[in-house]
Amino acid sequence: MVSLKTSMAKRARSNVPQFRIRIPAKVVNQLRGKRILLNLSNRNDAPCIKVTKIADDVAFSLETTDRIVAEARQANALDHLKRLFELTEAEPIHLSYKELVALSGETYRLYNKIHGDNPGEPSAWAYHKALHRAALEGRIKNPPPAALTPNEIASAIELFGTGDLTAAVNALPEGQYDSLEDRFGFRPLYRWACRWRRAAR
């Protein structure tokens, strides 16, 4: 069981509380430099998604001056990070097909919650998907990190051009790079994606 100490303080000249937690010594070397995505949203709250990089600690704004909302977001962040630290210490587990489908459902529901009423331009999603596929198949090096908002058009155009995306991705050799972690973030998700890729072959 991981024991964590967290603090909620305010920066100078700011009324917005900050989340800060020190990374446990047992896992800090494995996680340092990794990006993590935290969904801190609550049922009656506006979406709050944080993408942050792990150093010796994790710190970010809770993006609200409402004390109750800030405390709820802090509790969510602490719960996410505690599970991440425990998973990092644990041996990898094998996921069944049913569990993989359940995880994909959670991802779908999160995207739908954020974009269901206003999904944006189809071209942005096409580039988002092309980057996912190219990273999954090892066709690109250092892809931009996947965000829940598809805002990678400039990076994708630089890689694939403005023509047929399927043909552009297919034109790049497969299996050159191990870029899943760069694209999809922290290690538990990376392990899940690796298992999914092996199962799909």
N, C-alpha and C. Protein backbone atom coordinates (compact mmCIF):
# COMPACT_ATOMS: atom_id res chain seq x y z
N MET A 1 0.84 -1.19 0.00
CA MET A 1 0.00 0.00 0.00
C MET A 1 0.88 1.24 0.00
N VAL A 2 0.61 2.17 -0.90
CA VAL A 2 1.40 3.39 -1.02
C VAL A 2 0.83 4.44 -0.08
N SER A 3 1.69 5.03 0.73
CA SER A 3 1.28 6.12 1.62
C SER A 3 1.70 7.43 0.99
N LEU A 4 0.76 8.35 0.82
CA LEU A 4 1.05 9.59 0.10
C LEU A 4 0.73 10.81 0.95
N LYS A 5 1.56 11.82 0.82
CA LYS A 5 1.30 13.11 1.45
C LYS A 5 1.10 14.13 0.35
N THR A 6 0.01 14.84 0.41
CA THR A 6 -0.29 15.82 -0.62
C THR A 6 -0.57 17.16 0.03
N SER A 7 -0.46 18.22 -0.73
CA SER A 7 -0.75 19.54 -0.20
C SER A 7 -1.56 20.31 -1.23
N MET A 8 -2.35 21.26 -0.72
CA MET A 8 -3.10 22.15 -1.59
C MET A 8 -2.79 23.56 -1.12
N ALA A 9 -2.00 24.28 -1.90
CA ALA A 9 -1.60 25.63 -1.55
C ALA A 9 -1.91 26.55 -2.73
N LYS A 10 -1.68 27.83 -2.55
CA LYS A 10 -1.92 28.79 -3.62
C LYS A 10 -0.59 29.45 -4.00
N ARG A 11 -0.44 29.72 -5.28
CA ARG A 11 0.74 30.46 -5.73
C ARG A 11 0.60 31.91 -5.30
N ALA A 12 1.72 32.59 -5.24
CA ALA A 12 1.71 34.03 -4.93
C ALA A 12 0.85 34.76 -5.95
N ARG A 13 0.05 35.69 -5.49
CA ARG A 13 -0.84 36.51 -6.33
C ARG A 13 -1.85 35.67 -7.11
N SER A 14 -2.26 34.54 -6.54
CA SER A 14 -3.28 33.70 -7.19
C SER A 14 -4.24 33.17 -6.15
N ASN A 15 -5.52 33.11 -6.51
CA ASN A 15 -6.54 32.53 -5.63
C ASN A 15 -6.84 31.09 -5.99
N VAL A 16 -6.16 30.56 -7.02
CA VAL A 16 -6.45 29.21 -7.50
C VAL A 16 -5.54 28.21 -6.78
N PRO A 17 -6.11 27.22 -6.09
CA PRO A 17 -5.28 26.24 -5.37
C PRO A 17 -4.50 25.35 -6.34
N GLN A 18 -3.35 24.89 -5.87
CA GLN A 18 -2.46 24.02 -6.63
C GLN A 18 -2.43 22.64 -5.97
N PHE A 19 -2.38 21.61 -6.81
CA PHE A 19 -2.17 20.24 -6.32
C PHE A 19 -0.67 19.96 -6.37
N ARG A 20 -0.13 19.36 -5.32
CA ARG A 20 1.29 18.99 -5.33
C ARG A 20 1.46 17.71 -4.51
N ILE A 21 2.20 16.76 -5.08
CA ILE A 21 2.48 15.51 -4.38
C ILE A 21 3.89 15.05 -4.71
N ARG A 22 4.59 14.57 -3.72
CA ARG A 22 5.94 14.03 -3.92
C ARG A 22 5.81 12.59 -4.40
N ILE A 23 6.61 12.19 -5.39
CA ILE A 23 6.57 10.83 -5.93
C ILE A 23 7.30 9.90 -4.96
N PRO A 24 6.70 8.76 -4.59
CA PRO A 24 7.37 7.83 -3.69
C PRO A 24 8.71 7.35 -4.25
N ALA A 25 9.70 7.19 -3.36
CA ALA A 25 11.06 6.80 -3.77
C ALA A 25 11.07 5.49 -4.53
N LYS A 26 10.16 4.57 -4.21
CA LYS A 26 10.14 3.24 -4.86
C LYS A 26 9.86 3.31 -6.35
N VAL A 27 9.12 4.34 -6.78
CA VAL A 27 8.70 4.39 -8.18
C VAL A 27 9.21 5.61 -8.94
N VAL A 28 9.88 6.54 -8.24
CA VAL A 28 10.24 7.80 -8.88
C VAL A 28 11.14 7.60 -10.09
N ASN A 29 12.10 6.66 -10.04
CA ASN A 29 13.00 6.46 -11.17
C ASN A 29 12.28 5.86 -12.38
N GLN A 30 11.27 5.01 -12.13
CA GLN A 30 10.51 4.43 -13.23
C GLN A 30 9.59 5.43 -13.90
N LEU A 31 9.11 6.40 -13.13
CA LEU A 31 8.09 7.32 -13.65
C LEU A 31 8.62 8.68 -14.06
N ARG A 32 9.81 9.06 -13.60
CA ARG A 32 10.33 10.40 -13.89
C ARG A 32 10.39 10.62 -15.41
N GLY A 33 9.86 11.76 -15.84
CA GLY A 33 9.86 12.12 -17.26
C GLY A 33 8.63 11.65 -18.02
N LYS A 34 7.81 10.79 -17.41
CA LYS A 34 6.60 10.29 -18.08
C LYS A 34 5.49 11.34 -17.99
N ARG A 35 4.66 11.36 -19.03
CA ARG A 35 3.48 12.22 -19.01
C ARG A 35 2.29 11.40 -18.52
N ILE A 36 1.43 12.05 -17.76
CA ILE A 36 0.20 11.39 -17.30
C ILE A 36 -1.00 12.26 -17.62
N LEU A 37 -2.11 11.61 -17.84
CA LEU A 37 -3.36 12.29 -18.11
C LEU A 37 -4.30 11.97 -16.96
N LEU A 38 -4.84 13.00 -16.32
CA LEU A 38 -5.73 12.84 -15.18
C LEU A 38 -7.10 13.44 -15.50
N ASN A 39 -8.13 12.66 -15.35
CA ASN A 39 -9.50 13.15 -15.50
C ASN A 39 -10.00 13.49 -14.11
N LEU A 40 -10.06 14.77 -13.78
CA LEU A 40 -10.44 15.21 -12.44
C LEU A 40 -11.89 15.67 -12.38
N SER A 41 -12.65 15.40 -13.42
CA SER A 41 -14.04 15.86 -13.50
C SER A 41 -14.91 15.11 -12.49
N ASN A 42 -15.88 15.83 -11.98
CA ASN A 42 -16.89 15.24 -11.12
C ASN A 42 -18.24 15.34 -11.81
N ARG A 43 -19.20 14.58 -11.32
CA ARG A 43 -20.50 14.47 -11.98
C ARG A 43 -21.16 15.82 -12.24
N ASN A 44 -21.13 16.73 -11.26
CA ASN A 44 -21.81 18.02 -11.40
C ASN A 44 -20.85 19.16 -11.68
N ASP A 45 -19.70 18.84 -12.25
CA ASP A 45 -18.63 19.81 -12.45
C ASP A 45 -18.29 19.85 -13.94
N ALA A 46 -17.73 20.96 -14.38
CA ALA A 46 -17.24 21.06 -15.76
C ALA A 46 -16.06 20.10 -15.94
N PRO A 47 -15.83 19.61 -17.16
CA PRO A 47 -14.67 18.72 -17.38
C PRO A 47 -13.36 19.39 -16.95
N CYS A 48 -12.52 18.61 -16.29
CA CYS A 48 -11.19 19.10 -15.90
C CYS A 48 -10.19 17.99 -16.20
N ILE A 49 -9.46 18.14 -17.28
CA ILE A 49 -8.48 17.15 -17.72
C ILE A 49 -7.10 17.78 -17.60
N LYS A 50 -6.20 17.11 -16.92
CA LYS A 50 -4.84 17.62 -16.74
C LYS A 50 -3.87 16.65 -17.39
N VAL A 51 -2.94 17.17 -18.16
CA VAL A 51 -1.81 16.39 -18.69
C VAL A 51 -0.57 17.02 -18.09
N THR A 52 0.20 16.22 -17.35
CA THR A 52 1.36 16.76 -16.66
C THR A 52 2.52 15.78 -16.73
N LYS A 53 3.71 16.28 -16.52
CA LYS A 53 4.92 15.46 -16.58
C LYS A 53 5.40 15.19 -15.17
N ILE A 54 5.83 13.95 -14.93
CA ILE A 54 6.29 13.56 -13.60
C ILE A 54 7.77 13.92 -13.45
N ALA A 55 8.09 14.58 -12.34
CA ALA A 55 9.48 14.83 -11.96
C ALA A 55 9.66 14.17 -10.59
N ASP A 56 10.29 14.84 -9.65
CA ASP A 56 10.35 14.31 -8.29
C ASP A 56 9.00 14.49 -7.60
N ASP A 57 8.19 15.34 -8.19
CA ASP A 57 6.83 15.55 -7.70
C ASP A 57 5.92 15.79 -8.89
N VAL A 58 4.63 15.88 -8.60
CA VAL A 58 3.63 16.25 -9.60
C VAL A 58 2.91 17.47 -9.06
N ALA A 59 2.82 18.52 -9.86
CA ALA A 59 2.17 19.74 -9.41
C ALA A 59 1.41 20.36 -10.58
N PHE A 60 0.22 20.87 -10.29
CA PHE A 60 -0.58 21.54 -11.31
C PHE A 60 -1.70 22.33 -10.65
N SER A 61 -2.28 23.24 -11.42
CA SER A 61 -3.40 24.05 -10.95
C SER A 61 -4.67 23.21 -10.91
N LEU A 62 -5.49 23.42 -9.88
CA LEU A 62 -6.79 22.75 -9.81
C LEU A 62 -7.87 23.53 -10.57
N GLU A 63 -7.51 24.67 -11.13
CA GLU A 63 -8.34 25.44 -12.06
C GLU A 63 -9.71 25.83 -11.53
N THR A 64 -9.79 26.13 -10.24
CA THR A 64 -11.04 26.63 -9.68
C THR A 64 -10.73 27.38 -8.40
N THR A 65 -11.56 28.37 -8.10
CA THR A 65 -11.43 29.06 -6.81
C THR A 65 -12.45 28.54 -5.81
N ASP A 66 -13.33 27.65 -6.26
CA ASP A 66 -14.33 27.04 -5.38
C ASP A 66 -13.66 25.97 -4.52
N ARG A 67 -13.65 26.17 -3.22
CA ARG A 67 -12.93 25.27 -2.31
C ARG A 67 -13.46 23.83 -2.39
N ILE A 68 -14.77 23.67 -2.48
CA ILE A 68 -15.36 22.33 -2.52
C ILE A 68 -14.96 21.60 -3.80
N VAL A 69 -15.03 22.30 -4.94
CA VAL A 69 -14.64 21.70 -6.21
C VAL A 69 -13.15 21.36 -6.20
N ALA A 70 -12.33 22.28 -5.66
CA ALA A 70 -10.89 22.04 -5.59
C ALA A 70 -10.58 20.81 -4.75
N GLU A 71 -11.26 20.66 -3.62
CA GLU A 71 -11.02 19.49 -2.77
C GLU A 71 -11.43 18.20 -3.45
N ALA A 72 -12.54 18.24 -4.21
CA ALA A 72 -12.98 17.06 -4.96
C ALA A 72 -11.97 16.71 -6.04
N ARG A 73 -11.46 17.71 -6.75
CA ARG A 73 -10.45 17.46 -7.80
C ARG A 73 -9.16 16.93 -7.18
N GLN A 74 -8.79 17.47 -6.02
CA GLN A 74 -7.59 16.99 -5.35
C GLN A 74 -7.75 15.52 -4.96
N ALA A 75 -8.92 15.16 -4.45
CA ALA A 75 -9.17 13.76 -4.07
C ALA A 75 -9.10 12.85 -5.29
N ASN A 76 -9.66 13.29 -6.43
CA ASN A 76 -9.60 12.50 -7.67
C ASN A 76 -8.15 12.32 -8.13
N ALA A 77 -7.37 13.41 -8.10
CA ALA A 77 -5.97 13.33 -8.52
C ALA A 77 -5.20 12.38 -7.62
N LEU A 78 -5.42 12.47 -6.33
CA LEU A 78 -4.73 11.60 -5.38
C LEU A 78 -5.08 10.14 -5.62
N ASP A 79 -6.36 9.87 -5.90
CA ASP A 79 -6.79 8.49 -6.17
C ASP A 79 -6.13 7.96 -7.44
N HIS A 80 -6.13 8.76 -8.52
CA HIS A 80 -5.48 8.35 -9.78
C HIS A 80 -4.01 8.04 -9.56
N LEU A 81 -3.31 8.95 -8.87
CA LEU A 81 -1.87 8.79 -8.70
C LEU A 81 -1.54 7.62 -7.78
N LYS A 82 -2.34 7.41 -6.76
CA LYS A 82 -2.11 6.28 -5.87
C LYS A 82 -2.20 4.97 -6.65
N ARG A 83 -3.22 4.86 -7.53
CA ARG A 83 -3.35 3.66 -8.36
C ARG A 83 -2.18 3.53 -9.33
N LEU A 84 -1.73 4.65 -9.91
CA LEU A 84 -0.58 4.61 -10.81
C LEU A 84 0.66 4.10 -10.09
N PHE A 85 0.90 4.60 -8.89
CA PHE A 85 2.09 4.18 -8.14
C PHE A 85 2.01 2.70 -7.77
N GLU A 86 0.83 2.25 -7.37
CA GLU A 86 0.67 0.83 -7.01
C GLU A 86 0.83 -0.07 -8.24
N LEU A 87 0.29 0.36 -9.39
CA LEU A 87 0.44 -0.42 -10.62
C LEU A 87 1.89 -0.45 -11.08
N THR A 88 2.61 0.64 -10.88
CA THR A 88 4.01 0.69 -11.28
C THR A 88 4.84 -0.30 -10.46
N GLU A 89 4.51 -0.43 -9.18
CA GLU A 89 5.22 -1.38 -8.32
C GLU A 89 4.85 -2.83 -8.62
N ALA A 90 3.62 -3.06 -9.09
CA ALA A 90 3.12 -4.42 -9.28
C ALA A 90 3.65 -5.05 -10.56
N GLU A 91 3.58 -6.37 -10.61
CA GLU A 91 3.91 -7.10 -11.84
C GLU A 91 2.83 -6.86 -12.88
N PRO A 92 3.19 -6.84 -14.17
CA PRO A 92 2.17 -6.66 -15.22
C PRO A 92 1.14 -7.80 -15.17
N ILE A 93 -0.09 -7.46 -15.51
CA ILE A 93 -1.15 -8.47 -15.52
C ILE A 93 -1.65 -8.67 -16.94
N HIS A 94 -2.20 -9.84 -17.20
CA HIS A 94 -2.77 -10.12 -18.52
C HIS A 94 -4.24 -9.71 -18.50
N LEU A 95 -4.66 -8.96 -19.50
CA LEU A 95 -6.06 -8.54 -19.60
C LEU A 95 -6.80 -9.44 -20.58
N SER A 96 -7.98 -9.84 -20.19
CA SER A 96 -8.82 -10.64 -21.09
C SER A 96 -9.41 -9.75 -22.18
N TYR A 97 -9.96 -10.37 -23.19
CA TYR A 97 -10.63 -9.61 -24.25
C TYR A 97 -11.77 -8.77 -23.66
N LYS A 98 -12.51 -9.34 -22.73
CA LYS A 98 -13.62 -8.63 -22.09
C LYS A 98 -13.11 -7.38 -21.36
N GLU A 99 -11.98 -7.50 -20.68
CA GLU A 99 -11.42 -6.35 -19.97
C GLU A 99 -10.93 -5.28 -20.95
N LEU A 100 -10.34 -5.71 -22.08
CA LEU A 100 -9.92 -4.75 -23.10
C LEU A 100 -11.10 -3.98 -23.66
N VAL A 101 -12.19 -4.69 -23.91
CA VAL A 101 -13.40 -4.03 -24.43
C VAL A 101 -13.95 -3.04 -23.39
N ALA A 102 -13.92 -3.43 -22.11
CA ALA A 102 -14.40 -2.54 -21.05
C ALA A 102 -13.55 -1.27 -20.99
N LEU A 103 -12.23 -1.41 -21.11
CA LEU A 103 -11.35 -0.23 -21.11
C LEU A 103 -11.61 0.66 -22.32
N SER A 104 -11.83 0.05 -23.47
CA SER A 104 -12.12 0.86 -24.65
C SER A 104 -13.45 1.60 -24.47
N GLY A 105 -14.40 0.97 -23.79
CA GLY A 105 -15.67 1.62 -23.50
C GLY A 105 -15.50 2.83 -22.60
N GLU A 106 -14.62 2.71 -21.60
CA GLU A 106 -14.35 3.86 -20.72
C GLU A 106 -13.74 5.01 -21.51
N THR A 107 -12.81 4.68 -22.42
CA THR A 107 -12.19 5.71 -23.24
C THR A 107 -13.23 6.38 -24.13
N TYR A 108 -14.10 5.57 -24.75
CA TYR A 108 -15.15 6.12 -25.60
C TYR A 108 -16.07 7.06 -24.80
N ARG A 109 -16.47 6.62 -23.60
CA ARG A 109 -17.37 7.46 -22.80
C ARG A 109 -16.71 8.77 -22.39
N LEU A 110 -15.40 8.75 -22.12
CA LEU A 110 -14.69 9.98 -21.76
C LEU A 110 -14.65 10.93 -22.96
N TYR A 111 -14.28 10.42 -24.14
CA TYR A 111 -14.29 11.26 -25.35
C TYR A 111 -15.69 11.81 -25.61
N ASN A 112 -16.71 10.97 -25.45
CA ASN A 112 -18.08 11.38 -25.71
C ASN A 112 -18.54 12.45 -24.72
N LYS A 113 -18.14 12.30 -23.46
CA LYS A 113 -18.51 13.29 -22.44
C LYS A 113 -17.96 14.66 -22.79
N ILE A 114 -16.73 14.67 -23.30
CA ILE A 114 -16.08 15.94 -23.61
C ILE A 114 -16.55 16.51 -24.95
N HIS A 115 -16.76 15.65 -25.95
CA HIS A 115 -17.02 16.13 -27.32
C HIS A 115 -18.41 15.80 -27.86
N GLY A 116 -19.25 15.13 -27.07
CA GLY A 116 -20.53 14.65 -27.58
C GLY A 116 -21.41 15.73 -28.20
N ASP A 117 -21.48 16.91 -27.56
CA ASP A 117 -22.34 17.98 -28.06
C ASP A 117 -21.69 18.82 -29.15
N ASN A 118 -20.36 18.83 -29.20
CA ASN A 118 -19.65 19.66 -30.16
C ASN A 118 -18.35 18.98 -30.57
N PRO A 119 -18.43 17.97 -31.45
CA PRO A 119 -17.23 17.19 -31.78
C PRO A 119 -16.20 17.92 -32.62
N GLY A 120 -16.55 19.01 -33.27
CA GLY A 120 -15.57 19.74 -34.07
C GLY A 120 -15.47 19.21 -35.49
N GLU A 121 -14.39 19.59 -36.16
CA GLU A 121 -14.20 19.26 -37.57
C GLU A 121 -13.77 17.81 -37.77
N PRO A 122 -14.36 17.11 -38.75
CA PRO A 122 -13.94 15.73 -39.03
C PRO A 122 -12.46 15.61 -39.39
N SER A 123 -11.90 16.62 -40.04
CA SER A 123 -10.48 16.54 -40.43
C SER A 123 -9.57 16.47 -39.20
N ALA A 124 -9.93 17.16 -38.13
CA ALA A 124 -9.12 17.10 -36.91
C ALA A 124 -9.11 15.69 -36.35
N TRP A 125 -10.26 15.01 -36.39
CA TRP A 125 -10.35 13.63 -35.90
C TRP A 125 -9.61 12.66 -36.83
N ALA A 126 -9.62 12.95 -38.13
CA ALA A 126 -8.90 12.09 -39.07
C ALA A 126 -7.40 12.13 -38.79
N TYR A 127 -6.86 13.32 -38.55
CA TYR A 127 -5.44 13.44 -38.23
C TYR A 127 -5.13 12.79 -36.87
N HIS A 128 -6.03 12.97 -35.92
CA HIS A 128 -5.89 12.37 -34.58
C HIS A 128 -5.78 10.84 -34.71
N LYS A 129 -6.68 10.27 -35.51
CA LYS A 129 -6.68 8.82 -35.72
C LYS A 129 -5.42 8.37 -36.47
N ALA A 130 -4.99 9.14 -37.46
CA ALA A 130 -3.79 8.78 -38.23
C ALA A 130 -2.56 8.74 -37.33
N LEU A 131 -2.45 9.71 -36.42
CA LEU A 131 -1.33 9.72 -35.48
C LEU A 131 -1.39 8.51 -34.55
N HIS A 132 -2.60 8.18 -34.08
CA HIS A 132 -2.76 6.98 -33.23
C HIS A 132 -2.26 5.74 -33.97
N ARG A 133 -2.74 5.56 -35.19
CA ARG A 133 -2.40 4.37 -35.95
C ARG A 133 -0.89 4.30 -36.25
N ALA A 134 -0.32 5.43 -36.66
CA ALA A 134 1.10 5.45 -36.99
C ALA A 134 1.96 5.13 -35.76
N ALA A 135 1.56 5.62 -34.59
CA ALA A 135 2.30 5.32 -33.36
C ALA A 135 2.12 3.86 -32.98
N LEU A 136 0.90 3.37 -33.07
CA LEU A 136 0.60 1.98 -32.71
C LEU A 136 1.39 1.00 -33.58
N GLU A 137 1.55 1.33 -34.86
CA GLU A 137 2.25 0.44 -35.79
C GLU A 137 3.75 0.72 -35.88
N GLY A 138 4.25 1.67 -35.06
CA GLY A 138 5.68 1.95 -35.04
C GLY A 138 6.20 2.63 -36.29
N ARG A 139 5.37 3.46 -36.92
CA ARG A 139 5.76 4.10 -38.18
C ARG A 139 6.37 5.49 -37.98
N ILE A 140 6.18 6.10 -36.81
CA ILE A 140 6.69 7.46 -36.57
C ILE A 140 7.44 7.51 -35.25
N LYS A 141 8.41 8.42 -35.20
CA LYS A 141 9.21 8.63 -33.99
C LYS A 141 8.74 9.90 -33.29
N ASN A 142 8.69 9.86 -31.97
CA ASN A 142 8.32 11.03 -31.16
C ASN A 142 7.01 11.70 -31.61
N PRO A 143 5.90 10.95 -31.65
CA PRO A 143 4.63 11.58 -32.01
C PRO A 143 4.19 12.54 -30.92
N PRO A 144 3.34 13.51 -31.25
CA PRO A 144 2.83 14.38 -30.19
C PRO A 144 1.98 13.55 -29.23
N PRO A 145 1.98 13.90 -27.94
CA PRO A 145 1.17 13.13 -27.00
C PRO A 145 -0.32 13.23 -27.33
N ALA A 146 -1.02 12.11 -27.19
CA ALA A 146 -2.45 12.10 -27.45
C ALA A 146 -3.16 12.94 -26.41
N ALA A 147 -3.99 13.83 -26.85
CA ALA A 147 -4.79 14.64 -25.95
C ALA A 147 -6.25 14.28 -26.19
N LEU A 148 -7.08 14.63 -25.23
CA LEU A 148 -8.50 14.35 -25.40
C LEU A 148 -9.16 15.34 -26.35
N THR A 149 -8.45 16.40 -26.68
CA THR A 149 -8.92 17.35 -27.68
C THR A 149 -8.00 17.25 -28.89
N PRO A 150 -8.55 16.90 -30.05
CA PRO A 150 -7.68 16.72 -31.23
C PRO A 150 -7.17 18.06 -31.77
N ASN A 151 -5.98 18.45 -31.36
CA ASN A 151 -5.41 19.73 -31.78
C ASN A 151 -4.03 19.53 -32.39
N GLU A 152 -3.86 18.43 -33.14
CA GLU A 152 -2.55 18.05 -33.65
C GLU A 152 -2.43 18.20 -35.15
N ILE A 153 -3.30 18.98 -35.77
CA ILE A 153 -3.32 19.06 -37.23
C ILE A 153 -1.96 19.50 -37.78
N ALA A 154 -1.34 20.52 -37.18
CA ALA A 154 -0.06 21.01 -37.71
C ALA A 154 1.01 19.92 -37.66
N SER A 155 1.09 19.20 -36.53
CA SER A 155 2.08 18.12 -36.42
C SER A 155 1.79 17.01 -37.42
N ALA A 156 0.51 16.68 -37.58
CA ALA A 156 0.14 15.59 -38.49
C ALA A 156 0.39 15.97 -39.95
N ILE A 157 0.11 17.20 -40.32
CA ILE A 157 0.37 17.65 -41.70
C ILE A 157 1.87 17.58 -41.99
N GLU A 158 2.68 17.95 -41.00
CA GLU A 158 4.13 17.88 -41.18
C GLU A 158 4.59 16.43 -41.44
N LEU A 159 3.94 15.48 -40.79
CA LEU A 159 4.30 14.06 -40.95
C LEU A 159 3.68 13.43 -42.20
N PHE A 160 2.39 13.74 -42.45
CA PHE A 160 1.63 13.00 -43.46
C PHE A 160 1.22 13.83 -44.68
N GLY A 161 1.40 15.14 -44.64
CA GLY A 161 0.94 15.98 -45.74
C GLY A 161 -0.56 16.21 -45.67
N THR A 162 -1.12 16.72 -46.76
CA THR A 162 -2.54 17.06 -46.78
C THR A 162 -3.36 16.15 -47.68
N GLY A 163 -2.74 15.11 -48.21
CA GLY A 163 -3.45 14.20 -49.11
C GLY A 163 -4.16 13.08 -48.36
N ASP A 164 -4.23 11.93 -48.99
CA ASP A 164 -4.89 10.75 -48.43
C ASP A 164 -4.11 10.27 -47.20
N LEU A 165 -4.73 10.33 -46.02
CA LEU A 165 -4.03 9.98 -44.78
C LEU A 165 -3.70 8.49 -44.70
N THR A 166 -4.61 7.64 -45.16
CA THR A 166 -4.35 6.20 -45.12
C THR A 166 -3.12 5.87 -45.96
N ALA A 167 -3.05 6.42 -47.16
CA ALA A 167 -1.90 6.17 -48.03
C ALA A 167 -0.62 6.74 -47.43
N ALA A 168 -0.72 7.91 -46.80
CA ALA A 168 0.47 8.53 -46.20
C ALA A 168 1.01 7.70 -45.04
N VAL A 169 0.12 7.18 -44.20
CA VAL A 169 0.55 6.33 -43.09
C VAL A 169 1.12 5.02 -43.63
N ASN A 170 0.44 4.42 -44.61
CA ASN A 170 0.90 3.16 -45.20
C ASN A 170 2.27 3.29 -45.86
N ALA A 171 2.59 4.49 -46.35
CA ALA A 171 3.87 4.70 -47.03
C ALA A 171 5.06 4.67 -46.08
N LEU A 172 4.82 4.83 -44.78
CA LEU A 172 5.91 4.80 -43.80
C LEU A 172 6.14 3.35 -43.37
N PRO A 173 7.40 2.92 -43.28
CA PRO A 173 7.67 1.53 -42.87
C PRO A 173 7.14 1.24 -41.47
N GLU A 174 6.60 0.04 -41.31
CA GLU A 174 6.02 -0.39 -40.03
C GLU A 174 7.12 -0.93 -39.11
N GLY A 175 6.92 -0.81 -37.80
CA GLY A 175 7.79 -1.43 -36.82
C GLY A 175 9.16 -0.79 -36.65
N GLN A 176 9.32 0.46 -37.05
CA GLN A 176 10.61 1.14 -36.91
C GLN A 176 10.85 1.67 -35.50
N TYR A 177 9.79 2.13 -34.86
CA TYR A 177 9.92 2.85 -33.60
C TYR A 177 8.99 2.28 -32.53
N ASP A 178 9.40 2.44 -31.29
CA ASP A 178 8.54 2.10 -30.16
C ASP A 178 8.02 3.42 -29.59
N SER A 179 6.96 3.94 -30.19
CA SER A 179 6.50 5.29 -29.84
C SER A 179 5.16 5.31 -29.13
N LEU A 180 4.69 4.14 -28.69
CA LEU A 180 3.40 4.10 -28.00
C LEU A 180 3.40 4.95 -26.73
N GLU A 181 4.47 4.85 -25.96
CA GLU A 181 4.49 5.59 -24.70
C GLU A 181 4.53 7.09 -24.95
N ASP A 182 5.25 7.52 -26.00
CA ASP A 182 5.26 8.95 -26.34
C ASP A 182 3.86 9.43 -26.69
N ARG A 183 3.11 8.60 -27.39
CA ARG A 183 1.78 8.99 -27.84
C ARG A 183 0.72 8.87 -26.75
N PHE A 184 0.73 7.75 -26.04
CA PHE A 184 -0.38 7.46 -25.14
C PHE A 184 -0.09 7.63 -23.66
N GLY A 185 1.14 7.99 -23.31
CA GLY A 185 1.38 8.40 -21.94
C GLY A 185 1.84 7.33 -21.00
N PHE A 186 1.28 7.34 -19.79
CA PHE A 186 1.90 6.59 -18.69
C PHE A 186 1.86 5.09 -18.88
N ARG A 187 2.74 4.41 -18.16
CA ARG A 187 3.09 3.01 -18.36
C ARG A 187 1.92 2.03 -18.32
N PRO A 188 0.95 2.11 -17.38
CA PRO A 188 -0.13 1.13 -17.43
C PRO A 188 -0.90 1.16 -18.76
N LEU A 189 -1.15 2.35 -19.30
CA LEU A 189 -1.82 2.44 -20.60
C LEU A 189 -0.92 1.88 -21.69
N TYR A 190 0.39 2.14 -21.59
CA TYR A 190 1.36 1.62 -22.56
C TYR A 190 1.34 0.09 -22.56
N ARG A 191 1.34 -0.51 -21.35
CA ARG A 191 1.29 -1.98 -21.27
C ARG A 191 0.02 -2.51 -21.91
N TRP A 192 -1.10 -1.81 -21.65
CA TRP A 192 -2.38 -2.24 -22.23
C TRP A 192 -2.31 -2.18 -23.76
N ALA A 193 -1.75 -1.09 -24.30
CA ALA A 193 -1.68 -0.94 -25.75
C ALA A 193 -0.77 -1.98 -26.37
N CYS A 194 0.35 -2.31 -25.68
CA CYS A 194 1.24 -3.34 -26.21
C CYS A 194 0.53 -4.68 -26.28
N ARG A 195 -0.22 -5.02 -25.25
CA ARG A 195 -0.97 -6.29 -25.26
C ARG A 195 -2.00 -6.28 -26.38
N TRP A 196 -2.67 -5.13 -26.56
CA TRP A 196 -3.69 -5.03 -27.60
C TRP A 196 -3.04 -5.21 -28.97
N ARG A 197 -1.85 -4.62 -29.17
CA ARG A 197 -1.17 -4.71 -30.46
C ARG A 197 -0.78 -6.15 -30.74
N ARG A 198 -0.25 -6.85 -29.70
CA ARG A 198 0.14 -8.25 -29.91
C ARG A 198 -1.08 -9.11 -30.20
N ALA A 199 -2.20 -8.85 -29.48
CA ALA A 199 -3.41 -9.64 -29.69
C ALA A 199 -4.01 -9.41 -31.06
N ALA A 200 -3.82 -8.20 -31.61
CA ALA A 200 -4.42 -7.86 -32.91
C ALA A 200 -3.66 -8.46 -34.08
N ARG A 201 -2.43 -8.92 -33.84
CA ARG A 201 -1.62 -9.44 -34.94
C ARG A 201 -2.07 -10.85 -35.33
